[in-house]
Amino acid sequence: MEATTHLTESTPDLVLLDLMLPKISGALVLEYIHSDPRLTTVPVIILSNAPMTEVPPDSPLAQGTRRLVKSECTFASVLEAIQATLAQAADLKVVEARPASA
């Protein structure tokens, strides 16, 4: 609940989402993010210990920008994923902001 409350009050540059939350499932938070037009372009890095190798296209996990297995992560690898995801998002914004050539 707290996650969706924060998301209604602000638009983050990135969401680092654990699927195992105490009061609401991370999958529901992800669905909420993708249902709000303000948040649909916000990159989401999903953290989970659940197997995520073959994710069905209709699964909420498929909506994440990047998926990381928590048990295999170090602080450095999470930081690297965040930096790479933000850089990719910034590149997309630059491309979208360029006017179409005549």
C-alpha atoms as a PDB file:
ATOM      1  CA  MET A   1       0.000   0.000   0.000  1.00  0.00           C
ATOM      2  CA  GLU A   2       2.803   2.392   0.844  1.00  0.00           C
ATOM      3  CA  ALA A   3       4.390   1.797  -2.566  1.00  0.00           C
ATOM      4  CA  THR A   4       1.247   2.805  -4.462  1.00  0.00           C
ATOM      5  CA  THR A   5       0.778   5.810  -2.177  1.00  0.00           C
ATOM      6  CA  HIS A   6       4.268   7.060  -3.042  1.00  0.00           C
ATOM      7  CA  LEU A   7       3.614   6.431  -6.720  1.00  0.00           C
ATOM      8  CA  THR A   8       0.445   8.547  -6.663  1.00  0.00           C
ATOM      9  CA  GLU A   9       2.374  11.441  -5.123  1.00  0.00           C
ATOM     10  CA  SER A  10       5.436  11.445  -7.374  1.00  0.00           C
ATOM     11  CA  THR A  11       6.879  10.151 -10.613  1.00  0.00           C
ATOM     12  CA  PRO A  12      10.188   8.421  -9.929  1.00  0.00           C
ATOM     13  CA  ASP A  13      13.022   8.090 -12.434  1.00  0.00           C
ATOM     14  CA  LEU A  14      13.198   4.357 -11.684  1.00  0.00           C
ATOM     15  CA  VAL A  15      11.495   1.799  -9.464  1.00  0.00           C
ATOM     16  CA  LEU A  16      13.464  -0.960  -7.770  1.00  0.00           C
ATOM     17  CA  LEU A  17      10.729  -3.450  -6.926  1.00  0.00           C
ATOM     18  CA  ASP A  18      10.953  -6.488  -4.699  1.00  0.00           C
ATOM     19  CA  LEU A  19       8.153  -8.917  -5.484  1.00  0.00           C
ATOM     20  CA  MET A  20       7.907 -10.019  -1.847  1.00  0.00           C
ATOM     21  CA  LEU A  21       6.364  -7.036  -0.064  1.00  0.00           C
ATOM     22  CA  PRO A  22       4.687  -7.244   3.358  1.00  0.00           C
ATOM     23  CA  LYS A  23       1.200  -5.902   2.558  1.00  0.00           C
ATOM     24  CA  ILE A  24       0.789  -6.123  -1.213  1.00  0.00           C
ATOM     25  CA  SER A  25       2.383  -8.254  -3.873  1.00  0.00           C
ATOM     26  CA  GLY A  26       5.070  -6.671  -6.019  1.00  0.00           C
ATOM     27  CA  ALA A  27       3.185  -7.984  -9.052  1.00  0.00           C
ATOM     28  CA  LEU A  28       0.196  -5.828  -8.044  1.00  0.00           C
ATOM     29  CA  VAL A  29       2.463  -2.795  -7.674  1.00  0.00           C
ATOM     30  CA  LEU A  30       3.818  -3.499 -11.153  1.00  0.00           C
ATOM     31  CA  GLU A  31       0.284  -3.738 -12.548  1.00  0.00           C
ATOM     32  CA  TYR A  32      -0.522  -0.423 -10.850  1.00  0.00           C
ATOM     33  CA  ILE A  33       2.542   1.207 -12.433  1.00  0.00           C
ATOM     34  CA  HIS A  34       1.543   0.025 -15.892  1.00  0.00           C
ATOM     35  CA  SER A  35      -2.076   1.115 -15.431  1.00  0.00           C
ATOM     36  CA  ASP A  36      -1.148   4.732 -14.635  1.00  0.00           C
ATOM     37  CA  PRO A  37      -0.322   6.743 -17.794  1.00  0.00           C
ATOM     38  CA  ARG A  38       2.123   8.915 -15.795  1.00  0.00           C
ATOM     39  CA  LEU A  39       4.168   5.876 -14.831  1.00  0.00           C
ATOM     40  CA  THR A  40       4.136   3.692 -17.935  1.00  0.00           C
ATOM     41  CA  THR A  41       7.550   4.937 -19.091  1.00  0.00           C
ATOM     42  CA  VAL A  42       9.181   4.597 -15.659  1.00  0.00           C
ATOM     43  CA  PRO A  43      11.739   1.774 -15.801  1.00  0.00           C
ATOM     44  CA  VAL A  44      11.195  -1.003 -13.252  1.00  0.00           C
ATOM     45  CA  ILE A  45      13.935  -3.308 -12.029  1.00  0.00           C
ATOM     46  CA  ILE A  46      12.369  -6.390 -10.468  1.00  0.00           C
ATOM     47  CA  LEU A  47      14.151  -8.226  -7.673  1.00  0.00           C
ATOM     48  CA  SER A  48      13.054 -11.746  -6.849  1.00  0.00           C
ATOM     49  CA  ASN A  49      14.306 -15.154  -5.836  1.00  0.00           C
ATOM     50  CA  ALA A  50      11.558 -16.713  -7.946  1.00  0.00           C
ATOM     51  CA  PRO A  51      12.730 -18.275 -11.196  1.00  0.00           C
ATOM     52  CA  MET A  52      12.424 -15.683 -13.955  1.00  0.00           C
ATOM     53  CA  THR A  53      14.094 -17.391 -16.909  1.00  0.00           C
ATOM     54  CA  GLU A  54      11.000 -18.129 -18.982  1.00  0.00           C
ATOM     55  CA  VAL A  55       8.410 -15.493 -18.210  1.00  0.00           C
ATOM     56  CA  PRO A  56       5.076 -15.733 -20.049  1.00  0.00           C
ATOM     57  CA  PRO A  57       4.249 -12.515 -21.964  1.00  0.00           C
ATOM     58  CA  ASP A  58       1.054 -12.007 -19.934  1.00  0.00           C
ATOM     59  CA  SER A  59       2.897 -12.264 -16.607  1.00  0.00           C
ATOM     60  CA  PRO A  60       3.469  -9.085 -14.591  1.00  0.00           C
ATOM     61  CA  LEU A  61       7.165 -10.028 -14.560  1.00  0.00           C
ATOM     62  CA  ALA A  62       7.277  -9.471 -18.314  1.00  0.00           C
ATOM     63  CA  GLN A  63       6.428  -5.805 -17.697  1.00  0.00           C
ATOM     64  CA  GLY A  64       9.663  -5.143 -15.833  1.00  0.00           C
ATOM     65  CA  THR A  65      12.481  -3.379 -17.625  1.00  0.00           C
ATOM     66  CA  ARG A  66      15.060  -5.660 -16.056  1.00  0.00           C
ATOM     67  CA  ARG A  67      14.878  -8.677 -13.738  1.00  0.00           C
ATOM     68  CA  LEU A  68      17.466  -9.568 -11.106  1.00  0.00           C
ATOM     69  CA  VAL A  69      17.661 -12.672  -8.934  1.00  0.00           C
ATOM     70  CA  LYS A  70      18.188 -11.421  -5.385  1.00  0.00           C
ATOM     71  CA  SER A  71      20.292 -14.360  -4.245  1.00  0.00           C
ATOM     72  CA  GLU A  72      22.748 -13.684  -7.087  1.00  0.00           C
ATOM     73  CA  CYS A  73      22.982  -9.912  -6.568  1.00  0.00           C
ATOM     74  CA  THR A  74      25.671  -7.884  -4.944  1.00  0.00           C
ATOM     75  CA  PHE A  75      25.421  -4.196  -4.163  1.00  0.00           C
ATOM     76  CA  ALA A  76      27.704  -3.519  -7.127  1.00  0.00           C
ATOM     77  CA  SER A  77      25.576  -5.546  -9.560  1.00  0.00           C
ATOM     78  CA  VAL A  78      22.370  -3.823  -8.444  1.00  0.00           C
ATOM     79  CA  LEU A  79      24.047  -0.413  -8.758  1.00  0.00           C
ATOM     80  CA  GLU A  80      25.312  -1.349 -12.225  1.00  0.00           C
ATOM     81  CA  ALA A  81      21.795  -2.415 -13.276  1.00  0.00           C
ATOM     82  CA  ILE A  82      20.350   0.858 -11.966  1.00  0.00           C
ATOM     83  CA  GLN A  83      22.954   2.957 -13.787  1.00  0.00           C
ATOM     84  CA  ALA A  84      22.523   1.047 -17.054  1.00  0.00           C
ATOM     85  CA  THR A  85      18.730   1.256 -16.858  1.00  0.00           C
ATOM     86  CA  LEU A  86      18.775   4.998 -16.148  1.00  0.00           C
ATOM     87  CA  ALA A  87      21.246   5.582 -18.993  1.00  0.00           C
ATOM     88  CA  GLN A  88      19.040   3.612 -21.380  1.00  0.00           C
ATOM     89  CA  ALA A  89      15.964   5.558 -20.254  1.00  0.00           C
ATOM     90  CA  ALA A  90      17.822   8.854 -20.759  1.00  0.00           C
ATOM     91  CA  ASP A  91      18.850   7.789 -24.283  1.00  0.00           C
ATOM     92  CA  LEU A  92      15.226   6.976 -25.122  1.00  0.00           C
ATOM     93  CA  LYS A  93      14.075  10.381 -23.855  1.00  0.00           C
ATOM     94  CA  VAL A  94      16.659  12.129 -26.028  1.00  0.00           C
ATOM     95  CA  VAL A  95      15.534  10.193 -29.098  1.00  0.00           C
ATOM     96  CA  GLU A  96      11.851  10.938 -28.368  1.00  0.00           C
ATOM     97  CA  ALA A  97      12.608  14.634 -27.854  1.00  0.00           C
ATOM     98  CA  ARG A  98      14.301  15.053 -31.235  1.00  0.00           C
ATOM     99  CA  PRO A  99      12.037  16.535 -33.896  1.00  0.00           C
ATOM    100  CA  ALA A 100      11.343  14.359 -36.905  1.00  0.00           C
ATOM    101  CA  SER A 101      13.385  15.390 -39.907  1.00  0.00           C
ATOM    102  CA  ALA A 102      11.452  16.978 -42.733  1.00  0.00           C
END
